[in-house]
């Protein structure tokens, strides 16, 4: 497995709707494994576009209800069938390092998805599992958690984030303007 570089704001791939996965092959399996390796130290979820792949899938590893174990889930071509209730939770995102904001989400979602072999699954997700699934699902539609904030809160959050990451953002905007898209890069393990 290899660690992948995480795409950060303002890369345009974060605001692009991802395409359906049609091939459930060894390449997809390797990407899922690499994403897990990339995410596990610092996050609980990671969408494919966060590693430069505009495909509709994400991974999660969140505590399971009433259990001290975590549950690794690979969610491919997901559909949210229903949302119920409301919950406010402070969210962060690997594509916005250091930024945390309270976001209102559904407390419970009914989700249908495929696994790495293409088999279909469904589940009702609650609490943190539902929050994470909705956060990552939004990524697949080109929506980030800051897009869920009020216009004023979003403007302030992005202003503060941009100030804190000015040098990195300027470099990324320059690369985006030159329209150079590179395949996901790996980071060698120490």
C-alpha atoms as a PDB file:
ATOM      1  CA  UNK A   1       0.000   0.000   0.000  1.00  0.00           C
ATOM      2  CA  UNK A   2       1.068   3.572  -0.643  1.00  0.00           C
ATOM      3  CA  UNK A   3       0.077   6.839   0.921  1.00  0.00           C
ATOM      4  CA  UNK A   4      -1.549   9.238  -1.512  1.00  0.00           C
ATOM      5  CA  UNK A   5      -1.359  13.022  -1.528  1.00  0.00           C
ATOM      6  CA  UNK A   6      -4.578  14.643  -0.341  1.00  0.00           C
ATOM      7  CA  UNK A   7      -6.075  17.350  -2.533  1.00  0.00           C
ATOM      8  CA  UNK A   8      -6.788  20.514  -0.557  1.00  0.00           C
ATOM      9  CA  UNK A   9      -8.918  23.603  -1.106  1.00  0.00           C
ATOM     10  CA  UNK A  10      -9.166  25.383  -3.570  1.00  0.00           C
ATOM     11  CA  UNK A  11      -8.417  22.558  -6.033  1.00  0.00           C
ATOM     12  CA  UNK A  12     -11.315  22.512  -8.546  1.00  0.00           C
ATOM     13  CA  UNK A  13     -11.762  18.724  -8.306  1.00  0.00           C
ATOM     14  CA  UNK A  14     -13.317  19.303  -4.861  1.00  0.00           C
ATOM     15  CA  UNK A  15     -16.218  21.173  -6.476  1.00  0.00           C
ATOM     16  CA  UNK A  16     -16.777  18.702  -9.325  1.00  0.00           C
ATOM     17  CA  UNK A  17     -19.454  15.995  -9.355  1.00  0.00           C
ATOM     18  CA  UNK A  18     -17.792  12.574  -9.561  1.00  0.00           C
ATOM     19  CA  UNK A  19     -18.556   9.898 -12.176  1.00  0.00           C
ATOM     20  CA  UNK A  20     -20.065   6.489 -11.387  1.00  0.00           C
ATOM     21  CA  UNK A  21     -17.661   3.573 -10.912  1.00  0.00           C
ATOM     22  CA  UNK A  22     -18.138   1.002 -13.676  1.00  0.00           C
ATOM     23  CA  UNK A  23     -15.047  -1.194 -13.252  1.00  0.00           C
ATOM     24  CA  UNK A  24     -14.620  -3.227 -10.066  1.00  0.00           C
ATOM     25  CA  UNK A  25     -11.103  -4.402 -10.794  1.00  0.00           C
ATOM     26  CA  UNK A  26      -7.660  -4.714  -9.206  1.00  0.00           C
ATOM     27  CA  UNK A  27      -6.943  -1.039  -9.909  1.00  0.00           C
ATOM     28  CA  UNK A  28      -9.997   0.004  -7.875  1.00  0.00           C
ATOM     29  CA  UNK A  29      -9.039  -2.416  -5.081  1.00  0.00           C
ATOM     30  CA  UNK A  30      -5.520  -0.952  -4.920  1.00  0.00           C
ATOM     31  CA  UNK A  31      -6.868   2.594  -4.823  1.00  0.00           C
ATOM     32  CA  UNK A  32      -9.239   1.679  -1.973  1.00  0.00           C
ATOM     33  CA  UNK A  33      -6.353   0.134  -0.016  1.00  0.00           C
ATOM     34  CA  UNK A  34      -4.114   3.149  -0.672  1.00  0.00           C
ATOM     35  CA  UNK A  35      -6.882   5.541   0.399  1.00  0.00           C
ATOM     36  CA  UNK A  36      -7.342   3.638   3.645  1.00  0.00           C
ATOM     37  CA  UNK A  37      -3.604   3.838   4.334  1.00  0.00           C
ATOM     38  CA  UNK A  38      -3.704   7.575   3.578  1.00  0.00           C
ATOM     39  CA  UNK A  39      -6.751   8.316   5.744  1.00  0.00           C
ATOM     40  CA  UNK A  40      -6.316   6.136   8.810  1.00  0.00           C
ATOM     41  CA  UNK A  41      -3.846   8.291  10.747  1.00  0.00           C
ATOM     42  CA  UNK A  42      -5.694  11.609  10.532  1.00  0.00           C
ATOM     43  CA  UNK A  43      -9.304  10.998   9.504  1.00  0.00           C
ATOM     44  CA  UNK A  44     -12.394   8.824   9.597  1.00  0.00           C
ATOM     45  CA  UNK A  45     -13.459   9.269   5.970  1.00  0.00           C
ATOM     46  CA  UNK A  46     -11.954  10.010   2.571  1.00  0.00           C
ATOM     47  CA  UNK A  47     -13.606  10.488  -0.828  1.00  0.00           C
ATOM     48  CA  UNK A  48     -11.926   9.584  -4.115  1.00  0.00           C
ATOM     49  CA  UNK A  49     -11.832  13.180  -5.354  1.00  0.00           C
ATOM     50  CA  UNK A  50      -9.799  14.078  -2.258  1.00  0.00           C
ATOM     51  CA  UNK A  51      -6.965  12.039  -3.783  1.00  0.00           C
ATOM     52  CA  UNK A  52      -7.479  13.384  -7.303  1.00  0.00           C
ATOM     53  CA  UNK A  53      -9.867  10.732  -8.638  1.00  0.00           C
ATOM     54  CA  UNK A  54     -13.239  12.002  -9.861  1.00  0.00           C
ATOM     55  CA  UNK A  55     -15.086   8.753  -9.089  1.00  0.00           C
ATOM     56  CA  UNK A  56     -18.143   8.111  -6.876  1.00  0.00           C
ATOM     57  CA  UNK A  57     -16.717   6.270  -3.903  1.00  0.00           C
ATOM     58  CA  UNK A  58     -15.411   6.876  -0.427  1.00  0.00           C
ATOM     59  CA  UNK A  59     -14.094   4.971   2.535  1.00  0.00           C
ATOM     60  CA  UNK A  60     -14.935   5.334   6.224  1.00  0.00           C
ATOM     61  CA  UNK A  61     -13.564   3.892   9.427  1.00  0.00           C
ATOM     62  CA  UNK A  62     -15.748   5.037  12.295  1.00  0.00           C
ATOM     63  CA  UNK A  63     -16.707   3.636  15.697  1.00  0.00           C
ATOM     64  CA  UNK A  64     -19.664   1.289  15.443  1.00  0.00           C
ATOM     65  CA  UNK A  65     -22.669   1.949  17.682  1.00  0.00           C
ATOM     66  CA  UNK A  66     -22.375   0.431  21.161  1.00  0.00           C
ATOM     67  CA  UNK A  67     -18.979  -1.022  20.341  1.00  0.00           C
ATOM     68  CA  UNK A  68     -15.354  -0.061  20.866  1.00  0.00           C
ATOM     69  CA  UNK A  69     -14.343  -1.459  17.466  1.00  0.00           C
ATOM     70  CA  UNK A  70     -14.236   0.524  14.285  1.00  0.00           C
ATOM     71  CA  UNK A  71     -15.915  -0.432  11.066  1.00  0.00           C
ATOM     72  CA  UNK A  72     -14.099  -0.035   7.770  1.00  0.00           C
ATOM     73  CA  UNK A  73     -16.601   0.588   4.996  1.00  0.00           C
ATOM     74  CA  UNK A  74     -15.957   0.989   1.291  1.00  0.00           C
ATOM     75  CA  UNK A  75     -18.900   2.848  -0.222  1.00  0.00           C
ATOM     76  CA  UNK A  76     -19.067   2.801  -4.025  1.00  0.00           C
ATOM     77  CA  UNK A  77     -21.804   4.485  -6.106  1.00  0.00           C
ATOM     78  CA  UNK A  78     -23.841   5.414  -3.012  1.00  0.00           C
ATOM     79  CA  UNK A  79     -27.422   6.656  -2.944  1.00  0.00           C
ATOM     80  CA  UNK A  80     -29.087   8.210   0.066  1.00  0.00           C
ATOM     81  CA  UNK A  81     -32.693   7.004   0.080  1.00  0.00           C
ATOM     82  CA  UNK A  82     -33.931   8.847   3.183  1.00  0.00           C
ATOM     83  CA  UNK A  83     -32.789  11.349   5.805  1.00  0.00           C
ATOM     84  CA  UNK A  84     -34.371  11.701   9.241  1.00  0.00           C
ATOM     85  CA  UNK A  85     -33.845  13.976  12.199  1.00  0.00           C
ATOM     86  CA  UNK A  86     -31.189  16.594  12.709  1.00  0.00           C
ATOM     87  CA  UNK A  87     -27.841  16.708  14.464  1.00  0.00           C
ATOM     88  CA  UNK A  88     -25.203  19.421  14.838  1.00  0.00           C
ATOM     89  CA  UNK A  89     -21.598  18.243  14.903  1.00  0.00           C
ATOM     90  CA  UNK A  90     -18.207  19.928  14.655  1.00  0.00           C
ATOM     91  CA  UNK A  91     -16.690  18.662  11.412  1.00  0.00           C
ATOM     92  CA  UNK A  92     -13.240  18.883   9.926  1.00  0.00           C
ATOM     93  CA  UNK A  93     -11.937  17.723   6.567  1.00  0.00           C
ATOM     94  CA  UNK A  94      -8.599  16.409   5.339  1.00  0.00           C
ATOM     95  CA  UNK A  95      -8.965  18.773   2.355  1.00  0.00           C
ATOM     96  CA  UNK A  96      -9.247  21.772   4.734  1.00  0.00           C
ATOM     97  CA  UNK A  97      -6.481  21.050   7.269  1.00  0.00           C
ATOM     98  CA  UNK A  98      -7.006  22.867  10.557  1.00  0.00           C
ATOM     99  CA  UNK A  99     -10.547  24.090   9.774  1.00  0.00           C
ATOM    100  CA  UNK A 100     -13.403  22.934  12.023  1.00  0.00           C
ATOM    101  CA  UNK A 101     -17.000  24.168  11.949  1.00  0.00           C
ATOM    102  CA  UNK A 102     -20.372  23.061  13.310  1.00  0.00           C
ATOM    103  CA  UNK A 103     -22.521  21.574  10.558  1.00  0.00           C
ATOM    104  CA  UNK A 104     -26.163  20.487  10.708  1.00  0.00           C
ATOM    105  CA  UNK A 105     -26.826  17.104   9.128  1.00  0.00           C
ATOM    106  CA  UNK A 106     -29.502  14.413   9.239  1.00  0.00           C
ATOM    107  CA  UNK A 107     -29.214  12.283  12.382  1.00  0.00           C
ATOM    108  CA  UNK A 108     -30.077   9.141  10.417  1.00  0.00           C
ATOM    109  CA  UNK A 109     -29.739   8.129   6.758  1.00  0.00           C
ATOM    110  CA  UNK A 110     -30.751   5.115   4.706  1.00  0.00           C
ATOM    111  CA  UNK A 111     -27.885   4.374   2.322  1.00  0.00           C
ATOM    112  CA  UNK A 112     -27.507   1.936  -0.590  1.00  0.00           C
ATOM    113  CA  UNK A 113     -24.064   1.267  -2.105  1.00  0.00           C
ATOM    114  CA  UNK A 114     -21.813  -1.259  -3.780  1.00  0.00           C
ATOM    115  CA  UNK A 115     -18.689  -2.853  -2.325  1.00  0.00           C
ATOM    116  CA  UNK A 116     -15.349  -3.445  -4.077  1.00  0.00           C
ATOM    117  CA  UNK A 117     -16.713  -6.498  -5.882  1.00  0.00           C
ATOM    118  CA  UNK A 118     -19.866  -4.673  -7.058  1.00  0.00           C
ATOM    119  CA  UNK A 119     -22.272  -6.363  -4.618  1.00  0.00           C
ATOM    120  CA  UNK A 120     -25.054  -4.098  -3.370  1.00  0.00           C
ATOM    121  CA  UNK A 121     -25.581  -3.310   0.323  1.00  0.00           C
ATOM    122  CA  UNK A 122     -27.941  -1.129   2.315  1.00  0.00           C
ATOM    123  CA  UNK A 123     -28.007   0.139   5.878  1.00  0.00           C
ATOM    124  CA  UNK A 124     -29.562   2.688   8.158  1.00  0.00           C
ATOM    125  CA  UNK A 125     -26.761   4.782   9.622  1.00  0.00           C
ATOM    126  CA  UNK A 126     -27.030   6.865  12.770  1.00  0.00           C
ATOM    127  CA  UNK A 127     -24.918   9.338  14.715  1.00  0.00           C
ATOM    128  CA  UNK A 128     -21.260   9.707  13.736  1.00  0.00           C
ATOM    129  CA  UNK A 129     -21.534   7.024  11.041  1.00  0.00           C
ATOM    130  CA  UNK A 130     -24.390   8.990   9.394  1.00  0.00           C
ATOM    131  CA  UNK A 131     -22.497  12.281   9.735  1.00  0.00           C
ATOM    132  CA  UNK A 132     -19.373  10.845   8.122  1.00  0.00           C
ATOM    133  CA  UNK A 133     -21.355   9.182   5.318  1.00  0.00           C
ATOM    134  CA  UNK A 134     -23.140  12.453   4.499  1.00  0.00           C
ATOM    135  CA  UNK A 135     -19.878  14.440   4.610  1.00  0.00           C
ATOM    136  CA  UNK A 136     -18.186  12.035   2.182  1.00  0.00           C
ATOM    137  CA  UNK A 137     -21.312  11.699   0.009  1.00  0.00           C
ATOM    138  CA  UNK A 138     -21.309  15.491  -0.374  1.00  0.00           C
ATOM    139  CA  UNK A 139     -17.718  15.324  -1.666  1.00  0.00           C
ATOM    140  CA  UNK A 140     -18.919  13.064  -4.492  1.00  0.00           C
ATOM    141  CA  UNK A 141     -21.367  15.794  -5.542  1.00  0.00           C
ATOM    142  CA  UNK A 142     -18.689  18.507  -5.372  1.00  0.00           C
ATOM    143  CA  UNK A 143     -19.970  19.882  -2.057  1.00  0.00           C
ATOM    144  CA  UNK A 144     -17.632  20.532   0.879  1.00  0.00           C
ATOM    145  CA  UNK A 145     -18.621  20.933   4.495  1.00  0.00           C
ATOM    146  CA  UNK A 146     -18.053  24.697   4.286  1.00  0.00           C
ATOM    147  CA  UNK A 147     -20.781  24.805   1.618  1.00  0.00           C
ATOM    148  CA  UNK A 148     -23.180  23.677   4.380  1.00  0.00           C
ATOM    149  CA  UNK A 149     -22.465  26.820   6.436  1.00  0.00           C
ATOM    150  CA  UNK A 150     -24.437  30.054   6.296  1.00  0.00           C
ATOM    151  CA  UNK A 151     -23.039  32.515   3.722  1.00  0.00           C
ATOM    152  CA  UNK A 152     -21.482  34.661   6.465  1.00  0.00           C
ATOM    153  CA  UNK A 153     -19.916  31.718   8.324  1.00  0.00           C
ATOM    154  CA  UNK A 154     -18.622  30.283   5.046  1.00  0.00           C
ATOM    155  CA  UNK A 155     -17.036  33.596   4.066  1.00  0.00           C
ATOM    156  CA  UNK A 156     -15.346  33.948   7.473  1.00  0.00           C
ATOM    157  CA  UNK A 157     -14.183  30.319   7.559  1.00  0.00           C
ATOM    158  CA  UNK A 158     -12.692  30.506   4.055  1.00  0.00           C
ATOM    159  CA  UNK A 159     -11.083  33.875   4.788  1.00  0.00           C
ATOM    160  CA  UNK A 160      -9.412  32.505   7.919  1.00  0.00           C
ATOM    161  CA  UNK A 161      -8.413  29.272   6.172  1.00  0.00           C
ATOM    162  CA  UNK A 162      -6.975  31.183   3.200  1.00  0.00           C
ATOM    163  CA  UNK A 163      -4.971  33.473   5.469  1.00  0.00           C
ATOM    164  CA  UNK A 164      -3.539  30.506   7.345  1.00  0.00           C
ATOM    165  CA  UNK A 165      -2.650  28.644   4.136  1.00  0.00           C
ATOM    166  CA  UNK A 166      -1.918  31.570   1.778  1.00  0.00           C
ATOM    167  CA  UNK A 167       1.381  30.280   0.356  1.00  0.00           C
ATOM    168  CA  UNK A 168       0.062  26.779  -0.337  1.00  0.00           C
ATOM    169  CA  UNK A 169      -3.188  28.072  -1.850  1.00  0.00           C
ATOM    170  CA  UNK A 170      -1.416  30.524  -4.174  1.00  0.00           C
ATOM    171  CA  UNK A 171       0.724  27.670  -5.525  1.00  0.00           C
ATOM    172  CA  UNK A 172      -2.338  25.433  -6.048  1.00  0.00           C
ATOM    173  CA  UNK A 173      -4.291  28.181  -7.797  1.00  0.00           C
ATOM    174  CA  UNK A 174      -1.371  28.745 -10.157  1.00  0.00           C
ATOM    175  CA  UNK A 175      -1.280  25.030 -11.033  1.00  0.00           C
ATOM    176  CA  UNK A 176      -5.076  24.974 -11.507  1.00  0.00           C
ATOM    177  CA  UNK A 177      -4.893  27.959 -13.870  1.00  0.00           C
ATOM    178  CA  UNK A 178      -2.308  26.170 -15.983  1.00  0.00           C
ATOM    179  CA  UNK A 179      -4.750  23.219 -16.090  1.00  0.00           C
ATOM    180  CA  UNK A 180      -2.126  20.625 -15.376  1.00  0.00           C
ATOM    181  CA  UNK A 181      -3.775  17.503 -13.942  1.00  0.00           C
ATOM    182  CA  UNK A 182      -1.437  14.918 -12.600  1.00  0.00           C
ATOM    183  CA  UNK A 183      -2.234  11.363 -11.570  1.00  0.00           C
ATOM    184  CA  UNK A 184      -2.384  10.833  -7.811  1.00  0.00           C
ATOM    185  CA  UNK A 185       1.064  10.985  -6.333  1.00  0.00           C
ATOM    186  CA  UNK A 186       2.225   8.624  -3.667  1.00  0.00           C
ATOM    187  CA  UNK A 187       4.229   9.428  -0.600  1.00  0.00           C
ATOM    188  CA  UNK A 188       6.861   6.906   0.331  1.00  0.00           C
ATOM    189  CA  UNK A 189       6.575   5.438   3.792  1.00  0.00           C
ATOM    190  CA  UNK A 190       9.326   6.501   6.236  1.00  0.00           C
END
